[in-house]
Amino acid sequence: MQMTIYYQERDQYLVDKVERKAEQERKSKSAVILSIIEDYFEAEKRIGEILTDLGATSPDKVEEGLKEQKQKETDRKLGRILLDKGYVQEVDLDKALAIQTRASD
C-alpha cells in the first residue's frame, strides 16, 4: 500500500518529530506514523474491541465470552476465555494485548 501525505509548512515540526522517532526506533517513517495512528484509535479500548478491530474475532464471539465471564463469576480474563473457546488465535491475542499496552502507556 502506498500513501501520500500532504502537509503545510507550519506542520514541518511534526514531520521532523516523525523523522527523529524513526531514526531512534530504527523504523521507517511510515511505520512510525502507522503506530501513532494505531495508538490513537485503540486508546482506551477493551481487549474485545481491539480483537474485533483486528478482525481476529466477531462481536458475537466477544459477547459470548463476556457472558461466560459474568455468568461464571470468574477471574479469567476475556482474552483467555476467547482463546480457550478457540474464538481467537494466540498470535492475535498477543498482538491485541501489545496494542492495548502501548495505547495505555
Protein backbone atom coordinates (compact mmCIF):
# COMPACT_ATOMS: atom_id res chain seq x y z
CA MET A 1 0.00 0.00 0.00
CA GLN A 2 1.24 3.45 -0.81
CA MET A 3 0.12 6.60 0.91
CA THR A 4 0.92 10.23 0.25
CA ILE A 5 0.69 12.81 2.98
CA TYR A 6 0.33 16.46 2.16
CA TYR A 7 1.17 18.97 4.84
CA GLN A 8 1.66 22.68 5.21
CA GLU A 9 4.85 24.46 6.18
CA ARG A 10 3.55 25.06 9.70
CA ASP A 11 3.36 21.27 10.16
CA GLN A 12 7.05 20.70 9.39
CA TYR A 13 7.83 20.33 13.09
CA LEU A 14 5.64 17.20 13.15
CA VAL A 15 7.43 15.72 10.17
CA ASP A 16 10.74 16.43 11.93
CA LYS A 17 9.48 14.62 15.05
CA VAL A 18 8.44 11.60 13.00
CA GLU A 19 11.86 11.52 11.34
CA ARG A 20 13.66 11.68 14.71
CA LYS A 21 11.44 8.93 16.15
CA ALA A 22 12.03 6.76 13.08
CA GLU A 23 15.80 7.16 13.48
CA GLN A 24 15.65 6.40 17.22
CA GLU A 25 13.50 3.31 16.76
CA ARG A 26 15.22 2.25 13.53
CA LYS A 27 11.91 2.10 11.73
CA SER A 28 10.60 3.63 8.55
CA LYS A 29 8.70 6.89 8.78
CA SER A 30 5.57 5.16 7.54
CA ALA A 31 5.85 2.52 10.31
CA VAL A 32 6.14 5.27 12.91
CA ILE A 33 3.12 7.11 11.51
CA LEU A 34 1.05 3.92 11.46
CA SER A 35 1.98 3.08 15.06
CA ILE A 36 0.95 6.59 16.14
CA ILE A 37 -2.38 6.21 14.33
CA GLU A 38 -2.92 2.76 15.84
CA ASP A 39 -2.24 4.09 19.34
CA TYR A 40 -4.68 6.96 18.77
CA PHE A 41 -7.54 4.79 17.54
CA GLU A 42 -7.03 1.97 20.04
CA ALA A 43 -6.51 4.14 23.14
CA GLU A 44 -8.84 3.20 26.00
CA LYS A 45 -10.38 0.31 24.09
CA ARG A 46 -11.02 -3.00 25.76
CA ILE A 47 -9.42 -6.19 24.52
CA GLY A 48 -12.61 -7.43 22.84
CA GLU A 49 -12.90 -4.23 20.82
CA ILE A 50 -9.27 -4.44 19.73
CA LEU A 51 -9.64 -8.09 18.71
CA THR A 52 -12.73 -7.17 16.71
CA ASP A 53 -10.93 -4.21 15.08
CA LEU A 54 -8.12 -6.57 14.08
CA GLY A 55 -10.65 -8.92 12.51
CA ALA A 56 -9.44 -11.67 14.85
CA THR A 57 -12.94 -12.45 16.11
CA SER A 58 -16.51 -11.27 15.79
CA PRO A 59 -18.51 -9.04 18.14
CA ASP A 60 -20.85 -12.02 18.75
CA LYS A 61 -17.99 -14.19 19.98
CA VAL A 62 -16.74 -11.38 22.25
CA GLU A 63 -20.25 -11.02 23.65
CA GLU A 64 -20.43 -14.75 24.26
CA GLY A 65 -17.11 -14.64 26.11
CA LEU A 66 -18.28 -11.72 28.23
CA LYS A 67 -21.48 -13.59 29.13
CA GLU A 68 -19.48 -16.62 30.20
CA GLN A 69 -17.18 -14.43 32.26
CA LYS A 70 -20.15 -12.82 34.01
CA GLN A 71 -22.23 -15.99 34.49
CA LYS A 72 -19.40 -17.99 35.99
CA GLU A 73 -18.18 -15.00 38.01
CA THR A 74 -14.66 -15.99 37.14
CA ASP A 75 -11.40 -14.09 37.41
CA ARG A 76 -10.43 -15.41 33.97
CA LYS A 77 -9.63 -12.66 31.52
CA LEU A 78 -11.76 -12.30 28.42
CA GLY A 79 -8.79 -12.96 26.16
CA ARG A 80 -8.12 -16.29 27.89
CA ILE A 81 -11.80 -17.28 27.59
CA LEU A 82 -11.83 -16.48 23.86
CA LEU A 83 -8.57 -18.36 23.38
CA ASP A 84 -9.80 -21.44 25.28
CA LYS A 85 -13.01 -21.50 23.24
CA GLY A 86 -10.99 -21.30 20.02
CA TYR A 87 -12.52 -17.94 19.08
CA VAL A 88 -9.10 -16.26 18.71
CA GLN A 89 -5.61 -17.43 17.94
CA GLU A 90 -2.83 -16.85 20.43
CA VAL A 91 -0.87 -14.70 17.97
CA ASP A 92 -3.87 -12.37 17.58
CA LEU A 93 -4.42 -12.15 21.33
CA ASP A 94 -0.74 -11.34 21.85
CA LYS A 95 -0.94 -8.60 19.22
CA ALA A 96 -4.11 -7.15 20.78
CA LEU A 97 -2.52 -7.15 24.23
CA ALA A 98 0.58 -5.41 22.86
CA ILE A 99 -1.62 -2.75 21.23
CA GLN A 100 -3.59 -2.29 24.45
CA THR A 101 -0.40 -1.97 26.50
CA ARG A 102 1.15 0.58 24.09
CA ALA A 103 -2.05 2.60 23.95
CA SER A 104 -2.28 2.80 27.76
CA ASP A 105 1.34 3.94 28.24
